[in-house]
Amino acid sequence: MKHERAVAFAAFATVCIVWGTTYLFIRIAVETIPPLLLTASRYVGAGIILFAIATLRGDRLPRDRRTFVELVLVGVLLVGVGNLTVVWAEQWVPSGIAALLVATAPFWATLFEGLRAGGERLQRLRLGGMIIGFVGVALLVTPGGAGGAFDHRFVLGAVAIQVGCVGWQYGTSRGKYNLAHVPPLMSSALQAFAGGAIVGVTGIAIGELPRFHVTPRTLFALFYLMVFGSVIAFTAYVYAMRSLRMTTLSLYSYVNPVVAVILGWIVLDERLTWVSIAAMATILAGVALVQGRSVIRRATPRRRSGQEPALAGRVALEEGEQH
């Protein structure tokens, strides 16, 4: 039992560190790889690897057409909207700031849940958390918060990331309620492959292929994103969800941006100003208010019913991989 718990915490640490590093490696990869083909290469490769793992585990492909269409749609929302906007934006937005902008995703999730028929009402505490968080975003999208990167392209990138957060959370909602019957790894594999393939075809159609070239540095970044960011961290997340409380595992959403900011500062010499530090603290405070009560409330009942592992695995791609 102690050994299993130790492995679960090791898996949790992997999620915290690896998903926090993906912003750095995206920033490196886009130095020579166009954004659409970078996203496509990462997710098609990851989808194939996850599909192989799912098949070895005995998972079966869904057979009905409606499920396949839903898998493709969710894959496009997560990969083609959610992740692609981050990759596109990181051509101009520093990696640490991109991570902080993505940290606002729980605000959009709360809003979608409040608007959904039969969804949970938007409480004052969460509304306050959303307002606080978006104040932090506003601080980031200023000359002082941007740390020397501020221009019209930075602003466009920041807006694009928020659009991506909306697409990601809408995809998360659809996947959560419409794909509950699909095995977790198989669902994530098919979403990743479908989304990546469609993004890749689009990238070729708009002329990115002649600009696709790699250096040892950017090739390693692509490999890291595919294998560590999309396969190893994902499977670690699924494993950790089976042994740890939601209240514990949810802490990764606070650790990831901090890891990204520190790495961007150390490795890429991204400027870290007092305004950006204040913005980070403000955003994470807003996230804590939005996530806190819902995570505490929902953790125990799912443990009792035995449903948490399935749900955790099913939404792992949606929750974690906008990175």
Protein backbone atom coordinates (compact mmCIF):
# COMPACT_ATOMS: atom_id res chain seq x y z
CA MET A 1 0.00 0.00 0.00
CA LYS A 2 2.82 2.42 0.89
CA HIS A 3 4.65 1.51 -2.31
CA GLU A 4 1.53 2.15 -4.40
CA ARG A 5 1.01 5.52 -2.72
CA ALA A 6 4.64 6.47 -3.28
CA VAL A 7 4.31 5.63 -6.98
CA ALA A 8 1.12 7.69 -7.16
CA PHE A 9 2.89 10.73 -5.69
CA ALA A 10 5.77 10.19 -8.11
CA ALA A 11 3.23 10.19 -10.94
CA PHE A 12 1.70 13.39 -9.54
CA ALA A 13 5.14 15.03 -9.41
CA THR A 14 5.65 14.01 -13.04
CA VAL A 15 2.41 15.76 -14.02
CA CYS A 16 3.34 18.91 -12.11
CA ILE A 17 6.79 19.17 -13.65
CA VAL A 18 6.27 17.86 -17.19
CA TRP A 19 3.07 19.79 -17.97
CA GLY A 20 4.77 22.88 -16.58
CA THR A 21 7.70 22.42 -18.97
CA THR A 22 5.66 22.03 -22.15
CA TYR A 23 5.28 25.82 -22.58
CA LEU A 24 9.07 26.14 -22.70
CA PHE A 25 9.38 23.43 -25.34
CA ILE A 26 6.55 24.89 -27.43
CA ARG A 27 8.39 28.22 -27.42
CA ILE A 28 11.56 26.45 -28.57
CA ALA A 29 9.84 24.30 -31.22
CA VAL A 30 8.12 27.24 -32.97
CA GLU A 31 11.56 28.73 -33.69
CA THR A 32 11.69 26.61 -36.87
CA ILE A 33 8.46 24.58 -37.04
CA PRO A 34 5.25 26.35 -38.19
CA PRO A 35 2.47 26.26 -35.56
CA LEU A 36 -0.08 24.10 -37.37
CA LEU A 37 2.41 21.43 -38.41
CA LEU A 38 4.01 21.48 -34.96
CA THR A 39 0.62 20.83 -33.36
CA ALA A 40 -0.21 18.16 -35.95
CA SER A 41 3.09 16.33 -35.56
CA ARG A 42 2.80 16.29 -31.80
CA TYR A 43 -0.75 15.02 -31.57
CA VAL A 44 -0.76 12.59 -34.48
CA GLY A 45 2.35 10.96 -33.01
CA ALA A 46 0.93 10.97 -29.50
CA GLY A 47 -2.39 9.61 -30.77
CA ILE A 48 -0.66 6.66 -32.45
CA ILE A 49 1.32 5.85 -29.29
CA LEU A 50 -1.75 6.12 -27.04
CA PHE A 51 -3.77 4.01 -29.47
CA ALA A 52 -1.12 1.27 -29.30
CA ILE A 53 -1.18 1.39 -25.49
CA ALA A 54 -4.99 1.31 -25.42
CA THR A 55 -5.08 -1.64 -27.81
CA LEU A 56 -2.56 -3.59 -25.72
CA ARG A 57 -4.77 -2.94 -22.69
CA GLY A 58 -7.70 -4.50 -24.53
CA ASP A 59 -9.66 -1.31 -25.27
CA ARG A 60 -11.85 -1.51 -28.35
CA LEU A 61 -12.67 1.03 -31.00
CA PRO A 62 -16.18 2.50 -30.72
CA ARG A 63 -18.37 1.16 -33.51
CA ASP A 64 -21.19 3.64 -33.88
CA ARG A 65 -20.91 6.58 -36.25
CA ARG A 66 -22.28 9.12 -33.78
CA THR A 67 -19.48 8.39 -31.29
CA PHE A 68 -16.83 8.73 -33.99
CA VAL A 69 -18.22 12.10 -35.06
CA GLU A 70 -18.22 13.27 -31.45
CA LEU A 71 -14.63 12.10 -30.96
CA VAL A 72 -13.53 14.04 -34.04
CA LEU A 73 -15.41 17.16 -32.96
CA VAL A 74 -13.96 17.07 -29.45
CA GLY A 75 -10.50 16.42 -30.89
CA VAL A 76 -10.77 19.48 -33.13
CA LEU A 77 -11.92 21.65 -30.22
CA LEU A 78 -9.12 20.46 -27.93
CA VAL A 79 -6.25 20.21 -30.39
CA GLY A 80 -7.28 22.49 -33.25
CA VAL A 81 -8.62 25.30 -31.06
CA GLY A 82 -7.33 24.81 -27.52
CA ASN A 83 -3.73 23.75 -28.10
CA LEU A 84 -3.14 25.33 -31.49
CA THR A 85 -3.92 28.82 -30.21
CA VAL A 86 -1.26 28.42 -27.51
CA VAL A 87 1.30 27.23 -30.06
CA TRP A 88 0.42 30.06 -32.46
CA ALA A 89 0.53 32.66 -29.68
CA GLU A 90 3.91 31.50 -28.37
CA GLN A 91 5.53 32.85 -31.52
CA TRP A 92 5.27 36.23 -29.73
CA VAL A 93 4.02 35.56 -26.18
CA PRO A 94 6.71 34.43 -23.68
CA SER A 95 6.21 30.87 -22.46
CA GLY A 96 5.66 31.82 -18.81
CA ILE A 97 3.01 34.39 -19.66
CA ALA A 98 1.30 31.90 -21.98
CA ALA A 99 1.08 29.45 -19.07
CA LEU A 100 -0.47 32.11 -16.84
CA LEU A 101 -3.03 32.98 -19.52
CA VAL A 102 -3.95 29.29 -19.87
CA ALA A 103 -4.38 29.12 -16.08
CA THR A 104 -7.65 31.04 -16.54
CA ALA A 105 -9.23 27.91 -18.09
CA PRO A 106 -11.15 27.03 -14.86
CA PHE A 107 -12.98 30.37 -15.16
CA TRP A 108 -14.34 29.39 -18.57
CA ALA A 109 -15.16 25.89 -17.29
CA THR A 110 -17.21 27.39 -14.47
CA LEU A 111 -19.01 29.68 -16.90
CA PHE A 112 -19.87 26.80 -19.27
CA GLU A 113 -21.13 24.70 -16.37
CA GLY A 114 -23.35 27.57 -15.24
CA LEU A 115 -24.80 28.01 -18.74
CA ARG A 116 -25.38 24.27 -19.32
CA ALA A 117 -28.95 23.03 -18.91
CA GLY A 118 -29.07 21.45 -15.45
CA GLY A 119 -25.57 22.75 -14.71
CA GLU A 120 -24.35 24.14 -11.41
CA ARG A 121 -25.29 27.72 -10.66
CA LEU A 122 -22.57 30.36 -10.64
CA GLN A 123 -22.02 31.18 -6.97
CA ARG A 124 -20.79 34.53 -5.70
CA LEU A 125 -17.47 33.11 -4.49
CA ARG A 126 -16.68 31.68 -7.92
CA LEU A 127 -17.83 34.82 -9.68
CA GLY A 128 -15.50 36.79 -7.42
CA GLY A 129 -12.68 34.39 -8.26
CA MET A 130 -13.30 34.86 -11.99
CA ILE A 131 -13.23 38.65 -11.63
CA ILE A 132 -10.00 38.50 -9.61
CA GLY A 133 -8.43 36.16 -12.15
CA PHE A 134 -9.28 38.34 -15.12
CA VAL A 135 -7.84 41.34 -13.28
CA GLY A 136 -4.62 39.34 -13.23
CA VAL A 137 -4.92 38.75 -16.99
CA ALA A 138 -5.42 42.48 -17.50
CA LEU A 139 -2.21 43.12 -15.54
CA LEU A 140 -0.32 40.70 -17.78
CA VAL A 141 -1.50 42.33 -21.00
CA THR A 142 0.28 45.60 -20.23
CA PRO A 143 3.78 46.83 -21.07
CA GLY A 144 4.86 46.18 -17.48
CA GLY A 145 3.31 42.72 -17.32
CA ALA A 146 4.59 41.60 -20.71
CA GLY A 147 8.19 42.11 -19.65
CA GLY A 148 9.43 43.80 -22.82
CA ALA A 149 7.42 41.62 -25.23
CA PHE A 150 4.46 43.98 -25.45
CA ASP A 151 3.27 44.88 -28.97
CA HIS A 152 0.17 44.28 -31.11
CA ARG A 153 1.21 40.68 -31.81
CA PHE A 154 1.53 40.00 -28.08
CA VAL A 155 -2.00 41.33 -27.53
CA LEU A 156 -3.34 39.21 -30.42
CA GLY A 157 -1.61 36.16 -28.94
CA ALA A 158 -3.09 36.82 -25.49
CA VAL A 159 -6.58 37.13 -26.98
CA ALA A 160 -6.04 33.96 -29.04
CA ILE A 161 -5.12 32.00 -25.92
CA GLN A 162 -8.37 33.06 -24.26
CA VAL A 163 -10.29 31.98 -27.37
CA GLY A 164 -8.42 28.69 -27.10
CA CYS A 165 -9.45 28.35 -23.45
CA VAL A 166 -13.09 28.72 -24.51
CA GLY A 167 -12.68 26.07 -27.21
CA TRP A 168 -10.85 23.77 -24.81
CA GLN A 169 -13.51 24.01 -22.14
CA TYR A 170 -16.34 23.52 -24.63
CA GLY A 171 -14.56 20.41 -25.89
CA THR A 172 -14.06 19.28 -22.29
CA SER A 173 -17.77 19.66 -21.60
CA ARG A 174 -18.77 17.72 -24.71
CA GLY A 175 -16.26 14.97 -23.97
CA LYS A 176 -17.34 14.67 -20.36
CA TYR A 177 -21.03 14.23 -21.09
CA ASN A 178 -21.05 12.66 -24.56
CA LEU A 179 -18.09 10.25 -24.46
CA ALA A 180 -18.53 8.66 -21.03
CA HIS A 181 -18.89 5.20 -22.59
CA VAL A 182 -15.56 5.28 -24.45
CA PRO A 183 -12.50 3.83 -22.61
CA PRO A 184 -10.26 6.69 -21.40
CA LEU A 185 -7.04 5.90 -23.27
CA MET A 186 -8.85 5.01 -26.48
CA SER A 187 -10.90 8.20 -26.29
CA SER A 188 -7.82 10.36 -25.80
CA ALA A 189 -5.90 8.55 -28.55
CA LEU A 190 -8.66 9.07 -31.12
CA GLN A 191 -9.22 12.70 -30.12
CA ALA A 192 -5.49 13.46 -30.38
CA PHE A 193 -5.12 11.71 -33.74
CA ALA A 194 -8.25 13.20 -35.30
CA GLY A 195 -7.53 16.72 -34.10
CA GLY A 196 -3.88 16.50 -35.12
CA ALA A 197 -4.68 15.09 -38.57
CA ILE A 198 -7.19 17.84 -39.35
CA VAL A 199 -4.79 20.55 -38.16
CA GLY A 200 -2.03 18.97 -40.27
CA VAL A 201 -4.12 18.95 -43.44
CA THR A 202 -5.01 22.59 -42.79
CA GLY A 203 -1.35 23.48 -42.27
CA ILE A 204 -0.36 21.89 -45.58
CA ALA A 205 -3.26 23.61 -47.36
CA ILE A 206 -2.17 27.07 -46.19
CA GLY A 207 1.44 26.50 -47.23
CA GLU A 208 3.29 25.66 -44.02
CA LEU A 209 5.08 22.61 -45.42
CA PRO A 210 7.90 24.51 -47.22
CA ARG A 211 8.65 26.31 -43.94
CA PHE A 212 8.84 23.07 -41.94
CA HIS A 213 12.39 22.31 -40.96
CA VAL A 214 14.04 21.18 -37.77
CA THR A 215 17.29 21.71 -35.95
CA PRO A 216 18.56 19.38 -33.20
CA ARG A 217 17.11 21.86 -30.68
CA THR A 218 13.61 22.05 -32.20
CA LEU A 219 13.50 18.33 -33.04
CA PHE A 220 14.19 17.50 -29.40
CA ALA A 221 11.47 19.97 -28.36
CA LEU A 222 8.96 18.24 -30.67
CA PHE A 223 9.98 14.81 -29.37
CA TYR A 224 9.62 16.01 -25.77
CA LEU A 225 6.16 17.46 -26.40
CA MET A 226 4.98 14.30 -28.11
CA VAL A 227 6.41 11.67 -25.76
CA PHE A 228 6.72 13.40 -22.39
CA GLY A 229 4.02 16.07 -22.64
CA SER A 230 1.32 14.04 -24.39
CA VAL A 231 2.01 10.40 -23.46
CA ILE A 232 4.07 10.02 -20.27
CA ALA A 233 2.45 12.88 -18.34
CA PHE A 234 -1.00 11.79 -19.50
CA THR A 235 -0.56 8.20 -18.33
CA ALA A 236 0.96 9.51 -15.07
CA TYR A 237 -2.14 11.67 -14.60
CA VAL A 238 -4.45 8.69 -15.11
CA TYR A 239 -2.44 6.59 -12.64
CA ALA A 240 -2.34 9.34 -10.02
CA MET A 241 -6.10 9.85 -10.31
CA ARG A 242 -6.65 6.24 -9.23
CA SER A 243 -4.82 6.67 -5.93
CA LEU A 244 -4.91 10.35 -4.92
CA ARG A 245 -7.71 12.64 -3.86
CA MET A 246 -8.99 15.24 -6.30
CA THR A 247 -8.05 17.92 -3.78
CA THR A 248 -4.43 16.76 -4.01
CA LEU A 249 -4.30 16.25 -7.75
CA SER A 250 -5.91 19.61 -8.52
CA LEU A 251 -2.78 21.30 -7.16
CA TYR A 252 -1.04 20.64 -10.49
CA SER A 253 -2.96 23.55 -11.99
CA TYR A 254 -1.16 25.88 -9.55
CA VAL A 255 2.28 24.31 -9.95
CA ASN A 256 2.35 24.23 -13.78
CA PRO A 257 2.33 28.03 -14.36
CA VAL A 258 4.99 28.56 -11.68
CA VAL A 259 7.24 25.93 -13.30
CA ALA A 260 6.67 27.53 -16.72
CA VAL A 261 7.45 31.05 -15.50
CA ILE A 262 10.65 29.98 -13.72
CA LEU A 263 11.90 27.91 -16.68
CA GLY A 264 11.16 30.69 -19.16
CA TRP A 265 13.12 33.08 -16.95
CA ILE A 266 16.11 30.72 -16.52
CA VAL A 267 16.34 29.02 -19.93
CA LEU A 268 14.99 31.62 -22.36
CA ASP A 269 15.89 34.73 -20.36
CA GLU A 270 12.25 35.88 -20.32
CA ARG A 271 11.88 39.00 -18.21
CA LEU A 272 10.13 38.58 -14.88
CA THR A 273 8.79 41.91 -13.62
CA TRP A 274 7.03 42.83 -10.40
CA VAL A 275 3.86 43.41 -12.43
CA SER A 276 4.01 39.90 -13.93
CA ILE A 277 4.66 38.39 -10.49
CA ALA A 278 1.65 40.28 -9.09
CA ALA A 279 -0.43 39.11 -12.07
CA MET A 280 0.61 35.49 -11.43
CA ALA A 281 -0.40 35.71 -7.78
CA THR A 282 -3.72 37.35 -8.71
CA ILE A 283 -4.60 34.76 -11.36
CA LEU A 284 -3.73 31.82 -9.09
CA ALA A 285 -5.76 33.36 -6.25
CA GLY A 286 -8.74 33.58 -8.60
CA VAL A 287 -8.22 29.95 -9.66
CA ALA A 288 -8.13 28.88 -6.00
CA LEU A 289 -11.48 30.56 -5.33
CA VAL A 290 -13.09 29.07 -8.43
CA GLN A 291 -11.76 25.54 -8.00
CA GLY A 292 -11.59 25.12 -4.25
CA ARG A 293 -15.15 24.36 -3.18
CA SER A 294 -16.12 22.27 -6.21
CA VAL A 295 -13.03 20.04 -5.93
CA ILE A 296 -13.54 19.44 -2.20
CA ARG A 297 -17.22 18.70 -2.65
CA ARG A 298 -16.90 16.26 -5.53
CA ALA A 299 -13.87 14.23 -4.41
CA THR A 300 -15.40 11.94 -1.78
CA PRO A 301 -18.67 10.78 -3.43
CA ARG A 302 -16.89 9.63 -6.57
CA ARG A 303 -14.45 7.63 -4.52
CA ARG A 304 -17.34 5.80 -2.91
CA SER A 305 -19.10 5.02 -6.15
CA GLY A 306 -15.96 3.86 -7.93
CA GLN A 307 -16.59 6.27 -10.77
CA GLU A 308 -13.66 8.62 -10.25
CA PRO A 309 -11.00 6.61 -12.11
CA ALA A 310 -13.13 6.39 -15.24
CA LEU A 311 -14.00 10.05 -15.19
CA ALA A 312 -10.44 11.04 -14.40
CA GLY A 313 -9.07 9.06 -17.30
CA ARG A 314 -11.76 10.24 -19.65
CA VAL A 315 -11.17 13.92 -19.10
CA ALA A 316 -7.41 13.84 -18.59
CA LEU A 317 -6.69 15.01 -22.13
CA GLU A 318 -9.27 17.77 -21.82
CA GLU A 319 -8.07 18.99 -18.41
CA GLY A 320 -4.37 18.85 -18.86
CA GLU A 321 -3.16 19.17 -22.39
CA GLN A 322 -3.80 22.64 -23.59
CA HIS A 323 -0.09 22.90 -22.79
